[in-house]
């Protein structure tokens, strides 16, 4: 079911992003936000953290899995 969340390449082709890739990207975005050199970079990475958390939630719901205890999109809470 991860085909519901494809990644588009520059060539226009899409490939599915699995849960491991989403979690990996979420973790990288968190680390990058933590070590960002500027406020703009920090905001960008924080936005990516929320983006991947939302995609993880969507992936888990699409696969009839609980979202409890998984990363949540906190951007709307600010």
C-alpha atoms as a PDB file:
ATOM      1  CA  UNK A   1       0.000   0.000   0.000  1.00  0.00           C
ATOM      2  CA  UNK A   2       2.970   2.336   0.195  1.00  0.00           C
ATOM      3  CA  UNK A   3       2.324   3.003  -3.494  1.00  0.00           C
ATOM      4  CA  UNK A   4      -0.189   5.578  -2.226  1.00  0.00           C
ATOM      5  CA  UNK A   5       2.730   7.830  -1.289  1.00  0.00           C
ATOM      6  CA  UNK A   6       5.084   7.926  -4.271  1.00  0.00           C
ATOM      7  CA  UNK A   7       8.156  10.085  -4.553  1.00  0.00           C
ATOM      8  CA  UNK A   8       8.488  11.982  -7.820  1.00  0.00           C
ATOM      9  CA  UNK A   9      11.898  12.077  -9.430  1.00  0.00           C
ATOM     10  CA  UNK A  10      13.101  14.959 -11.598  1.00  0.00           C
ATOM     11  CA  UNK A  11      12.336  12.756 -14.602  1.00  0.00           C
ATOM     12  CA  UNK A  12       8.670  12.640 -13.559  1.00  0.00           C
ATOM     13  CA  UNK A  13       8.838   8.947 -12.649  1.00  0.00           C
ATOM     14  CA  UNK A  14       7.522   7.898  -9.270  1.00  0.00           C
ATOM     15  CA  UNK A  15       8.604   5.207  -6.862  1.00  0.00           C
ATOM     16  CA  UNK A  16       6.919   4.263  -3.579  1.00  0.00           C
ATOM     17  CA  UNK A  17       8.447   5.444  -0.310  1.00  0.00           C
ATOM     18  CA  UNK A  18       8.213   2.735   2.334  1.00  0.00           C
ATOM     19  CA  UNK A  19       7.895   3.261   6.069  1.00  0.00           C
ATOM     20  CA  UNK A  20      11.626   2.769   6.669  1.00  0.00           C
ATOM     21  CA  UNK A  21      12.477   5.539   4.197  1.00  0.00           C
ATOM     22  CA  UNK A  22       9.886   7.858   5.761  1.00  0.00           C
ATOM     23  CA  UNK A  23      11.306   7.199   9.243  1.00  0.00           C
ATOM     24  CA  UNK A  24      14.853   7.716   7.974  1.00  0.00           C
ATOM     25  CA  UNK A  25      13.961  11.043   6.358  1.00  0.00           C
ATOM     26  CA  UNK A  26      12.062  12.131   9.495  1.00  0.00           C
ATOM     27  CA  UNK A  27      15.095  11.388  11.673  1.00  0.00           C
ATOM     28  CA  UNK A  28      17.445  13.253   9.310  1.00  0.00           C
ATOM     29  CA  UNK A  29      15.142  16.273   9.303  1.00  0.00           C
ATOM     30  CA  UNK A  30      15.121  16.257  13.124  1.00  0.00           C
ATOM     31  CA  UNK A  31      18.911  16.133  13.270  1.00  0.00           C
ATOM     32  CA  UNK A  32      19.256  18.856  10.633  1.00  0.00           C
ATOM     33  CA  UNK A  33      16.788  21.087  12.508  1.00  0.00           C
ATOM     34  CA  UNK A  34      18.727  20.559  15.728  1.00  0.00           C
ATOM     35  CA  UNK A  35      22.029  21.533  14.100  1.00  0.00           C
ATOM     36  CA  UNK A  36      20.778  24.233  11.703  1.00  0.00           C
ATOM     37  CA  UNK A  37      23.032  27.275  11.376  1.00  0.00           C
ATOM     38  CA  UNK A  38      20.269  29.801  10.677  1.00  0.00           C
ATOM     39  CA  UNK A  39      16.663  30.428  11.648  1.00  0.00           C
ATOM     40  CA  UNK A  40      15.574  29.932   8.033  1.00  0.00           C
ATOM     41  CA  UNK A  41      17.271  26.537   7.860  1.00  0.00           C
ATOM     42  CA  UNK A  42      15.753  25.558  11.207  1.00  0.00           C
ATOM     43  CA  UNK A  43      12.268  26.504   9.995  1.00  0.00           C
ATOM     44  CA  UNK A  44      12.777  24.554   6.771  1.00  0.00           C
ATOM     45  CA  UNK A  45      13.885  21.424   8.587  1.00  0.00           C
ATOM     46  CA  UNK A  46      11.129  21.786  11.183  1.00  0.00           C
ATOM     47  CA  UNK A  47       8.650  21.927   8.311  1.00  0.00           C
ATOM     48  CA  UNK A  48      10.209  18.741   6.891  1.00  0.00           C
ATOM     49  CA  UNK A  49       9.888  17.042  10.287  1.00  0.00           C
ATOM     50  CA  UNK A  50       6.157  17.790  10.207  1.00  0.00           C
ATOM     51  CA  UNK A  51       5.861  16.761   6.572  1.00  0.00           C
ATOM     52  CA  UNK A  52       7.388  13.335   7.218  1.00  0.00           C
ATOM     53  CA  UNK A  53       5.411  12.856  10.439  1.00  0.00           C
ATOM     54  CA  UNK A  54       2.226  13.514   8.457  1.00  0.00           C
ATOM     55  CA  UNK A  55       3.281  11.060   5.747  1.00  0.00           C
ATOM     56  CA  UNK A  56       4.105   8.415   8.368  1.00  0.00           C
ATOM     57  CA  UNK A  57       0.644   8.875   9.902  1.00  0.00           C
ATOM     58  CA  UNK A  58      -1.004   8.642   6.466  1.00  0.00           C
ATOM     59  CA  UNK A  59       0.997   5.506   5.599  1.00  0.00           C
ATOM     60  CA  UNK A  60       0.062   3.803   8.876  1.00  0.00           C
ATOM     61  CA  UNK A  61      -3.639   4.698   8.503  1.00  0.00           C
ATOM     62  CA  UNK A  62      -3.656   3.502   4.882  1.00  0.00           C
ATOM     63  CA  UNK A  63      -2.277   0.174   6.118  1.00  0.00           C
ATOM     64  CA  UNK A  64      -4.839  -0.067   8.979  1.00  0.00           C
ATOM     65  CA  UNK A  65      -2.161   0.397  11.668  1.00  0.00           C
ATOM     66  CA  UNK A  66      -2.323   2.418  14.872  1.00  0.00           C
ATOM     67  CA  UNK A  67      -0.644   5.815  14.843  1.00  0.00           C
ATOM     68  CA  UNK A  68      -0.255   5.905  18.633  1.00  0.00           C
ATOM     69  CA  UNK A  69       3.349   6.437  19.687  1.00  0.00           C
ATOM     70  CA  UNK A  70       4.542   7.360  16.188  1.00  0.00           C
ATOM     71  CA  UNK A  71       5.784  10.789  15.041  1.00  0.00           C
ATOM     72  CA  UNK A  72       2.999  13.362  14.828  1.00  0.00           C
ATOM     73  CA  UNK A  73       2.827  16.541  12.759  1.00  0.00           C
ATOM     74  CA  UNK A  74       3.245  19.306  15.345  1.00  0.00           C
ATOM     75  CA  UNK A  75       3.198  22.204  12.880  1.00  0.00           C
ATOM     76  CA  UNK A  76      -0.509  22.913  13.407  1.00  0.00           C
ATOM     77  CA  UNK A  77       0.030  23.142  17.203  1.00  0.00           C
ATOM     78  CA  UNK A  78       2.182  26.279  16.868  1.00  0.00           C
END
